[in-house]
Amino acid sequence: MRLIQVVTLFFSTSSAKLAGIDEWESVTPHCLRKAFKSVLRAPTRKGGRLDEGTQEFFMGHILPGTQDEYYDRSNVEFHRQEYAKLDFSDDQSSGQNEERKEEKAGGPDKVVEKEELPEHLGRGWIFLEKIDNEQFIIRRAEAATRSKEGI
C-alpha cells in the first residue's frame, strides 16, 4: 500500500471514530465517497435534485464528451449554493423513519441501490427512473395512485 493510501485510510477511520461511528474501523475512503454520492443523488432539502453535471463535478469526475468543456467550474458562489441544498441528515441516509424522509424530501420518492431494488418492488414500490447502473428512483405505490387521481 502506498503512503498516500495509508494516510487517507488513517484520516477516514480517525474521523469516523471522532464522529462516534460504532464501526469506525470499517470506514474507508471508498465508503465515504459512496455515501457522498448517495447524498448527491438523493433529493435535496427542498425536494429537488442537483443537476447531473454538478453531481459529477462534486464527485471530482471529468464530465463525459464535450460537457466538461462547457461546465463552469469557476462559479464558486453557484457551487456553494448547490452544496448548501444537500441533505446530510441521519434519517436521509439511514433506512429508518421513511415517513419523515418523505416529508423532508417533499414527496414519496426514494433513491435505492441496485441490490435494494427487487426488495422494494416486491413491497409495492413503483420504478420511476434509472439514475445510473447502481441507483434508481422509486415511489410508494399509494403515492403513485394518489398523483394519478389528482389527490
N, C-alpha and C. Protein backbone atom coordinates (compact mmCIF):
# COMPACT_ATOMS: atom_id res chain seq x y z
N MET A 1 0.85 -1.17 0.00
CA MET A 1 0.00 0.00 0.00
C MET A 1 0.90 1.24 0.00
N ARG A 2 0.57 2.20 -0.87
CA ARG A 2 1.35 3.43 -0.97
C ARG A 2 1.07 4.33 0.24
N LEU A 3 2.01 5.22 0.52
CA LEU A 3 1.90 6.10 1.67
C LEU A 3 0.61 6.94 1.63
N ILE A 4 0.26 7.46 0.47
CA ILE A 4 -0.95 8.29 0.37
C ILE A 4 -2.19 7.47 0.72
N GLN A 5 -2.21 6.19 0.35
CA GLN A 5 -3.35 5.34 0.68
C GLN A 5 -3.42 5.10 2.19
N VAL A 6 -2.28 4.90 2.81
CA VAL A 6 -2.23 4.68 4.26
C VAL A 6 -2.71 5.93 5.00
N VAL A 7 -2.24 7.09 4.58
CA VAL A 7 -2.62 8.34 5.23
C VAL A 7 -4.12 8.60 5.05
N THR A 8 -4.62 8.38 3.84
CA THR A 8 -6.05 8.59 3.58
C THR A 8 -6.90 7.66 4.42
N LEU A 9 -6.51 6.40 4.51
CA LEU A 9 -7.23 5.43 5.33
C LEU A 9 -7.19 5.84 6.80
N PHE A 10 -6.03 6.29 7.28
CA PHE A 10 -5.89 6.73 8.66
C PHE A 10 -6.85 7.88 8.96
N PHE A 11 -6.90 8.88 8.08
CA PHE A 11 -7.77 10.03 8.32
C PHE A 11 -9.24 9.66 8.24
N SER A 12 -9.61 8.75 7.35
CA SER A 12 -11.03 8.38 7.27
C SER A 12 -11.46 7.59 8.50
N THR A 13 -10.63 6.66 8.98
CA THR A 13 -11.01 5.90 10.18
C THR A 13 -10.94 6.78 11.43
N SER A 14 -9.96 7.65 11.52
CA SER A 14 -9.85 8.56 12.67
C SER A 14 -11.05 9.50 12.73
N SER A 15 -11.43 10.03 11.59
CA SER A 15 -12.58 10.94 11.54
C SER A 15 -13.86 10.21 11.93
N ALA A 16 -14.00 8.98 11.46
CA ALA A 16 -15.19 8.19 11.79
C ALA A 16 -15.24 7.90 13.30
N LYS A 17 -14.09 7.63 13.88
CA LYS A 17 -14.04 7.38 15.32
C LYS A 17 -14.43 8.64 16.10
N LEU A 18 -13.89 9.79 15.69
CA LEU A 18 -14.23 11.06 16.36
C LEU A 18 -15.71 11.41 16.19
N ALA A 19 -16.29 10.98 15.08
CA ALA A 19 -17.71 11.26 14.82
C ALA A 19 -18.63 10.34 15.61
N GLY A 20 -18.04 9.33 16.28
CA GLY A 20 -18.83 8.43 17.10
C GLY A 20 -19.48 7.29 16.33
N ILE A 21 -18.94 6.98 15.16
CA ILE A 21 -19.47 5.86 14.37
C ILE A 21 -19.04 4.56 15.03
N ASP A 22 -20.02 3.70 15.34
CA ASP A 22 -19.72 2.45 16.06
C ASP A 22 -18.70 1.58 15.33
N GLU A 23 -18.87 1.43 14.05
CA GLU A 23 -17.97 0.56 13.28
C GLU A 23 -16.92 1.40 12.54
N TRP A 24 -16.27 2.31 13.25
CA TRP A 24 -15.33 3.24 12.66
C TRP A 24 -14.17 2.55 11.96
N GLU A 25 -13.80 1.36 12.42
CA GLU A 25 -12.67 0.65 11.81
C GLU A 25 -12.98 0.20 10.39
N SER A 26 -14.26 0.13 10.04
CA SER A 26 -14.68 -0.31 8.71
C SER A 26 -14.81 0.83 7.71
N VAL A 27 -14.68 2.06 8.18
CA VAL A 27 -14.85 3.21 7.30
C VAL A 27 -13.60 3.39 6.43
N THR A 28 -13.83 3.41 5.12
CA THR A 28 -12.74 3.57 4.16
C THR A 28 -13.02 4.79 3.29
N PRO A 29 -12.03 5.29 2.59
CA PRO A 29 -12.29 6.39 1.66
C PRO A 29 -13.35 6.01 0.62
N HIS A 30 -13.36 4.76 0.19
CA HIS A 30 -14.36 4.30 -0.77
C HIS A 30 -15.77 4.42 -0.22
N CYS A 31 -15.98 4.01 1.03
CA CYS A 31 -17.33 4.08 1.58
C CYS A 31 -17.73 5.53 1.85
N LEU A 32 -16.78 6.41 2.14
CA LEU A 32 -17.09 7.83 2.28
C LEU A 32 -17.54 8.42 0.94
N ARG A 33 -16.83 8.05 -0.14
CA ARG A 33 -17.23 8.52 -1.47
C ARG A 33 -18.60 7.98 -1.86
N LYS A 34 -18.85 6.72 -1.52
CA LYS A 34 -20.15 6.12 -1.84
C LYS A 34 -21.27 6.82 -1.07
N ALA A 35 -21.02 7.13 0.19
CA ALA A 35 -22.03 7.83 0.99
C ALA A 35 -22.28 9.24 0.42
N PHE A 36 -21.20 9.92 0.03
CA PHE A 36 -21.34 11.25 -0.54
C PHE A 36 -22.11 11.19 -1.86
N LYS A 37 -21.83 10.18 -2.66
CA LYS A 37 -22.54 10.01 -3.93
C LYS A 37 -24.04 9.79 -3.67
N SER A 38 -24.37 9.03 -2.64
CA SER A 38 -25.77 8.81 -2.29
C SER A 38 -26.46 10.12 -1.90
N VAL A 39 -25.74 10.97 -1.16
CA VAL A 39 -26.29 12.27 -0.77
C VAL A 39 -26.51 13.13 -2.02
N LEU A 40 -25.57 13.09 -2.95
CA LEU A 40 -25.70 13.88 -4.18
C LEU A 40 -26.89 13.43 -5.02
N ARG A 41 -27.15 12.12 -5.05
CA ARG A 41 -28.22 11.57 -5.88
C ARG A 41 -29.60 11.68 -5.21
N ALA A 42 -29.61 11.82 -3.89
CA ALA A 42 -30.87 11.87 -3.13
C ALA A 42 -31.54 13.23 -3.31
N PRO A 43 -32.82 13.32 -2.95
CA PRO A 43 -33.49 14.62 -3.00
C PRO A 43 -32.79 15.63 -2.09
N THR A 44 -32.80 16.90 -2.50
CA THR A 44 -32.21 17.95 -1.68
C THR A 44 -33.15 18.29 -0.53
N ARG A 45 -32.75 19.23 0.30
CA ARG A 45 -33.57 19.61 1.45
C ARG A 45 -34.97 20.07 1.04
N LYS A 46 -35.09 20.67 -0.12
CA LYS A 46 -36.39 21.17 -0.57
C LYS A 46 -37.06 20.22 -1.56
N GLY A 47 -36.49 19.03 -1.74
CA GLY A 47 -37.14 18.03 -2.57
C GLY A 47 -36.68 17.97 -4.01
N GLY A 48 -35.88 18.92 -4.45
CA GLY A 48 -35.38 18.89 -5.82
C GLY A 48 -34.19 17.96 -5.95
N ARG A 49 -33.54 18.02 -7.07
CA ARG A 49 -32.33 17.22 -7.29
C ARG A 49 -31.26 18.11 -7.92
N LEU A 50 -30.01 17.80 -7.62
CA LEU A 50 -28.92 18.54 -8.25
C LEU A 50 -28.79 18.13 -9.70
N ASP A 51 -28.38 19.06 -10.53
CA ASP A 51 -28.08 18.79 -11.92
C ASP A 51 -26.98 17.71 -12.00
N GLU A 52 -27.07 16.83 -12.99
CA GLU A 52 -26.13 15.72 -13.11
C GLU A 52 -24.69 16.21 -13.26
N GLY A 53 -24.48 17.30 -14.01
CA GLY A 53 -23.13 17.85 -14.17
C GLY A 53 -22.57 18.33 -12.85
N THR A 54 -23.40 18.94 -12.03
CA THR A 54 -22.96 19.42 -10.71
C THR A 54 -22.63 18.24 -9.81
N GLN A 55 -23.43 17.17 -9.88
CA GLN A 55 -23.13 15.97 -9.10
C GLN A 55 -21.76 15.41 -9.48
N GLU A 56 -21.52 15.30 -10.77
CA GLU A 56 -20.24 14.76 -11.24
C GLU A 56 -19.08 15.67 -10.84
N PHE A 57 -19.29 16.98 -10.92
CA PHE A 57 -18.26 17.94 -10.51
C PHE A 57 -17.91 17.75 -9.04
N PHE A 58 -18.94 17.64 -8.18
CA PHE A 58 -18.72 17.45 -6.75
C PHE A 58 -17.99 16.13 -6.46
N MET A 59 -18.20 15.13 -7.30
CA MET A 59 -17.50 13.85 -7.11
C MET A 59 -16.06 13.92 -7.63
N GLY A 60 -15.73 15.00 -8.34
CA GLY A 60 -14.37 15.15 -8.87
C GLY A 60 -14.17 14.46 -10.20
N HIS A 61 -15.28 14.13 -10.88
CA HIS A 61 -15.20 13.44 -12.16
C HIS A 61 -15.04 14.42 -13.32
N ILE A 62 -14.48 13.93 -14.39
CA ILE A 62 -14.45 14.68 -15.64
C ILE A 62 -15.76 14.36 -16.34
N LEU A 63 -16.47 15.37 -16.80
CA LEU A 63 -17.76 15.16 -17.45
C LEU A 63 -17.56 14.51 -18.81
N PRO A 64 -18.51 13.63 -19.20
CA PRO A 64 -18.35 12.90 -20.45
C PRO A 64 -18.46 13.79 -21.69
N GLY A 65 -17.76 13.39 -22.74
CA GLY A 65 -17.84 14.09 -24.02
C GLY A 65 -17.41 15.54 -23.91
N THR A 66 -18.16 16.39 -24.57
CA THR A 66 -17.83 17.82 -24.59
C THR A 66 -18.43 18.58 -23.42
N GLN A 67 -19.20 17.89 -22.57
CA GLN A 67 -19.83 18.57 -21.43
C GLN A 67 -18.80 19.24 -20.53
N ASP A 68 -17.64 18.60 -20.37
CA ASP A 68 -16.62 19.12 -19.46
C ASP A 68 -16.12 20.50 -19.92
N GLU A 69 -16.03 20.69 -21.22
CA GLU A 69 -15.55 21.96 -21.75
C GLU A 69 -16.52 23.10 -21.46
N TYR A 70 -17.81 22.79 -21.34
CA TYR A 70 -18.83 23.82 -21.16
C TYR A 70 -19.26 24.01 -19.70
N TYR A 71 -18.79 23.16 -18.81
CA TYR A 71 -19.18 23.28 -17.41
C TYR A 71 -18.35 24.37 -16.75
N ASP A 72 -19.01 25.33 -16.11
CA ASP A 72 -18.34 26.46 -15.48
C ASP A 72 -17.86 26.09 -14.08
N ARG A 73 -16.61 25.69 -13.97
CA ARG A 73 -16.02 25.31 -12.68
C ARG A 73 -15.65 26.53 -11.84
N SER A 74 -15.57 27.69 -12.46
CA SER A 74 -15.09 28.88 -11.76
C SER A 74 -16.17 29.60 -10.97
N ASN A 75 -17.42 29.23 -11.12
CA ASN A 75 -18.52 29.90 -10.43
C ASN A 75 -18.66 29.36 -9.01
N VAL A 76 -17.81 29.84 -8.13
CA VAL A 76 -17.73 29.35 -6.75
C VAL A 76 -19.03 29.58 -5.99
N GLU A 77 -19.64 30.74 -6.17
CA GLU A 77 -20.88 31.05 -5.45
C GLU A 77 -22.00 30.08 -5.84
N PHE A 78 -22.10 29.74 -7.10
CA PHE A 78 -23.09 28.76 -7.57
C PHE A 78 -22.87 27.41 -6.87
N HIS A 79 -21.61 26.98 -6.81
CA HIS A 79 -21.31 25.69 -6.18
C HIS A 79 -21.59 25.72 -4.68
N ARG A 80 -21.36 26.84 -4.03
CA ARG A 80 -21.70 26.97 -2.60
C ARG A 80 -23.20 26.81 -2.39
N GLN A 81 -23.98 27.48 -3.25
CA GLN A 81 -25.44 27.41 -3.14
C GLN A 81 -25.94 25.99 -3.40
N GLU A 82 -25.38 25.33 -4.38
CA GLU A 82 -25.81 23.96 -4.69
C GLU A 82 -25.43 23.00 -3.55
N TYR A 83 -24.24 23.17 -3.01
CA TYR A 83 -23.79 22.32 -1.91
C TYR A 83 -24.67 22.52 -0.68
N ALA A 84 -25.11 23.75 -0.44
CA ALA A 84 -25.95 24.06 0.72
C ALA A 84 -27.32 23.38 0.63
N LYS A 85 -27.72 22.99 -0.55
CA LYS A 85 -29.01 22.31 -0.75
C LYS A 85 -28.98 20.86 -0.31
N LEU A 86 -27.78 20.28 -0.20
CA LEU A 86 -27.66 18.85 0.10
C LEU A 86 -28.16 18.52 1.50
N ASP A 87 -28.74 17.33 1.62
CA ASP A 87 -29.30 16.88 2.89
C ASP A 87 -28.42 15.77 3.47
N PHE A 88 -27.61 16.14 4.45
CA PHE A 88 -26.70 15.19 5.10
C PHE A 88 -27.28 14.61 6.38
N SER A 89 -28.57 14.82 6.63
CA SER A 89 -29.17 14.37 7.89
C SER A 89 -29.13 12.86 8.02
N ASP A 90 -29.12 12.38 9.26
CA ASP A 90 -29.05 10.95 9.53
C ASP A 90 -30.22 10.19 8.93
N ASP A 91 -31.43 10.72 9.07
CA ASP A 91 -32.59 9.99 8.59
C ASP A 91 -32.65 9.97 7.07
N GLN A 92 -31.89 10.81 6.38
CA GLN A 92 -31.84 10.77 4.92
C GLN A 92 -31.08 9.54 4.44
N SER A 93 -29.97 9.21 5.11
CA SER A 93 -29.14 8.11 4.63
C SER A 93 -29.43 6.78 5.31
N SER A 94 -30.08 6.79 6.46
CA SER A 94 -30.40 5.52 7.11
C SER A 94 -31.70 4.99 6.55
N GLY A 95 -31.96 3.73 6.75
CA GLY A 95 -33.19 3.13 6.25
C GLY A 95 -34.35 3.30 7.18
N GLN A 96 -34.23 4.11 8.23
CA GLN A 96 -35.27 4.25 9.23
C GLN A 96 -36.15 5.46 8.97
N ASN A 97 -37.37 5.39 9.50
CA ASN A 97 -38.29 6.53 9.52
C ASN A 97 -38.58 7.09 8.13
N GLU A 98 -39.10 6.24 7.26
CA GLU A 98 -39.34 6.63 5.88
C GLU A 98 -40.37 7.74 5.75
N GLU A 99 -41.33 7.81 6.64
CA GLU A 99 -42.34 8.86 6.56
C GLU A 99 -41.70 10.24 6.71
N ARG A 100 -40.79 10.40 7.66
CA ARG A 100 -40.11 11.69 7.84
C ARG A 100 -39.23 12.00 6.65
N LYS A 101 -38.60 10.99 6.06
CA LYS A 101 -37.78 11.21 4.89
C LYS A 101 -38.64 11.74 3.74
N GLU A 102 -39.83 11.17 3.57
CA GLU A 102 -40.72 11.62 2.51
C GLU A 102 -41.15 13.06 2.73
N GLU A 103 -41.46 13.41 3.98
CA GLU A 103 -41.85 14.79 4.29
C GLU A 103 -40.73 15.75 3.97
N LYS A 104 -39.51 15.42 4.40
CA LYS A 104 -38.37 16.30 4.17
C LYS A 104 -38.06 16.42 2.69
N ALA A 105 -38.18 15.31 1.97
CA ALA A 105 -37.85 15.30 0.55
C ALA A 105 -38.94 15.97 -0.28
N GLY A 106 -40.08 16.24 0.33
CA GLY A 106 -41.16 16.87 -0.39
C GLY A 106 -41.97 15.89 -1.21
N GLY A 107 -41.83 14.60 -0.96
CA GLY A 107 -42.59 13.62 -1.72
C GLY A 107 -42.23 12.21 -1.35
N PRO A 108 -42.90 11.27 -2.00
CA PRO A 108 -42.74 9.86 -1.66
C PRO A 108 -41.64 9.15 -2.45
N ASP A 109 -40.83 9.87 -3.20
CA ASP A 109 -39.78 9.24 -4.00
C ASP A 109 -38.60 8.86 -3.12
N LYS A 110 -37.87 7.85 -3.58
CA LYS A 110 -36.74 7.35 -2.81
C LYS A 110 -35.67 6.88 -3.79
N VAL A 111 -34.41 7.12 -3.46
CA VAL A 111 -33.28 6.62 -4.24
C VAL A 111 -32.79 5.35 -3.57
N VAL A 112 -32.69 4.26 -4.36
CA VAL A 112 -32.22 2.98 -3.81
C VAL A 112 -31.08 2.45 -4.65
N GLU A 113 -30.26 1.65 -4.00
CA GLU A 113 -29.17 0.98 -4.69
C GLU A 113 -29.71 -0.21 -5.48
N LYS A 114 -28.95 -0.67 -6.44
CA LYS A 114 -29.35 -1.76 -7.33
C LYS A 114 -29.78 -3.01 -6.56
N GLU A 115 -29.03 -3.36 -5.52
CA GLU A 115 -29.33 -4.57 -4.76
C GLU A 115 -30.60 -4.44 -3.91
N GLU A 116 -31.02 -3.21 -3.62
CA GLU A 116 -32.24 -2.98 -2.83
C GLU A 116 -33.51 -2.96 -3.69
N LEU A 117 -33.35 -2.75 -4.99
CA LEU A 117 -34.49 -2.55 -5.88
C LEU A 117 -35.49 -3.70 -5.86
N PRO A 118 -35.07 -4.97 -6.03
CA PRO A 118 -36.06 -6.06 -6.05
C PRO A 118 -36.89 -6.13 -4.77
N GLU A 119 -36.27 -5.92 -3.62
CA GLU A 119 -36.99 -5.97 -2.34
C GLU A 119 -38.08 -4.90 -2.29
N HIS A 120 -37.75 -3.67 -2.69
CA HIS A 120 -38.73 -2.58 -2.67
C HIS A 120 -39.85 -2.81 -3.67
N LEU A 121 -39.51 -3.28 -4.86
CA LEU A 121 -40.55 -3.56 -5.86
C LEU A 121 -41.48 -4.65 -5.36
N GLY A 122 -40.93 -5.63 -4.65
CA GLY A 122 -41.74 -6.69 -4.07
C GLY A 122 -42.67 -6.21 -2.97
N ARG A 123 -42.32 -5.07 -2.35
CA ARG A 123 -43.16 -4.49 -1.29
C ARG A 123 -44.12 -3.44 -1.82
N GLY A 124 -44.23 -3.33 -3.15
CA GLY A 124 -45.23 -2.44 -3.73
C GLY A 124 -44.71 -1.10 -4.21
N TRP A 125 -43.41 -0.85 -4.16
CA TRP A 125 -42.88 0.39 -4.69
C TRP A 125 -42.92 0.34 -6.21
N ILE A 126 -42.94 1.49 -6.86
CA ILE A 126 -43.01 1.56 -8.32
C ILE A 126 -41.73 2.21 -8.85
N PHE A 127 -41.16 1.59 -9.89
CA PHE A 127 -39.95 2.10 -10.53
C PHE A 127 -40.28 3.39 -11.28
N LEU A 128 -39.46 4.45 -11.08
CA LEU A 128 -39.66 5.71 -11.78
C LEU A 128 -38.56 6.00 -12.80
N GLU A 129 -37.30 5.89 -12.33
CA GLU A 129 -36.20 6.34 -13.18
C GLU A 129 -34.89 5.68 -12.77
N LYS A 130 -34.05 5.44 -13.75
CA LYS A 130 -32.70 4.92 -13.52
C LYS A 130 -31.75 6.11 -13.47
N ILE A 131 -30.99 6.25 -12.38
CA ILE A 131 -30.03 7.34 -12.26
C ILE A 131 -28.74 6.95 -12.97
N ASP A 132 -28.24 5.79 -12.61
CA ASP A 132 -27.07 5.21 -13.25
C ASP A 132 -27.18 3.70 -13.09
N ASN A 133 -26.11 2.96 -13.34
CA ASN A 133 -26.20 1.49 -13.24
C ASN A 133 -26.34 0.98 -11.82
N GLU A 134 -26.16 1.84 -10.84
CA GLU A 134 -26.21 1.42 -9.44
C GLU A 134 -27.37 1.99 -8.64
N GLN A 135 -28.00 3.07 -9.11
CA GLN A 135 -29.04 3.72 -8.32
C GLN A 135 -30.29 3.98 -9.15
N PHE A 136 -31.45 3.89 -8.46
CA PHE A 136 -32.74 4.02 -9.11
C PHE A 136 -33.67 4.85 -8.24
N ILE A 137 -34.62 5.53 -8.87
CA ILE A 137 -35.63 6.30 -8.14
C ILE A 137 -36.92 5.49 -8.18
N ILE A 138 -37.52 5.31 -7.00
CA ILE A 138 -38.78 4.56 -6.89
C ILE A 138 -39.79 5.42 -6.13
N ARG A 139 -41.06 5.02 -6.18
CA ARG A 139 -42.13 5.75 -5.48
C ARG A 139 -43.06 4.76 -4.82
N ARG A 140 -43.56 5.14 -3.65
CA ARG A 140 -44.56 4.32 -2.96
C ARG A 140 -45.77 4.15 -3.87
N ALA A 141 -46.31 2.94 -3.92
CA ALA A 141 -47.44 2.64 -4.80
C ALA A 141 -48.65 3.52 -4.50
N GLU A 142 -48.98 3.70 -3.22
CA GLU A 142 -50.16 4.51 -2.89
C GLU A 142 -49.96 5.97 -3.28
N ALA A 143 -48.72 6.46 -3.24
CA ALA A 143 -48.46 7.84 -3.65
C ALA A 143 -48.58 7.99 -5.16
N ALA A 144 -48.17 6.96 -5.89
CA ALA A 144 -48.30 7.00 -7.35
C ALA A 144 -49.78 6.99 -7.74
N THR A 145 -50.59 6.23 -7.01
CA THR A 145 -52.03 6.17 -7.26
C THR A 145 -52.66 7.52 -6.97
N ARG A 146 -52.28 8.15 -5.85
CA ARG A 146 -52.82 9.46 -5.48
C ARG A 146 -52.48 10.51 -6.53
N SER A 147 -51.23 10.47 -7.04
CA SER A 147 -50.84 11.50 -8.02
C SER A 147 -51.57 11.30 -9.34
N LYS A 148 -51.91 10.06 -9.71
CA LYS A 148 -52.67 9.80 -10.93
C LYS A 148 -54.11 10.26 -10.79
N GLU A 149 -54.66 10.13 -9.57
CA GLU A 149 -56.03 10.53 -9.32
C GLU A 149 -56.15 12.03 -9.05
N GLY A 150 -55.02 12.71 -8.94
CA GLY A 150 -55.04 14.14 -8.69
C GLY A 150 -55.36 14.52 -7.26
N ILE A 151 -55.10 13.61 -6.33
CA ILE A 151 -55.37 13.86 -4.91
C ILE A 151 -54.22 14.62 -4.30
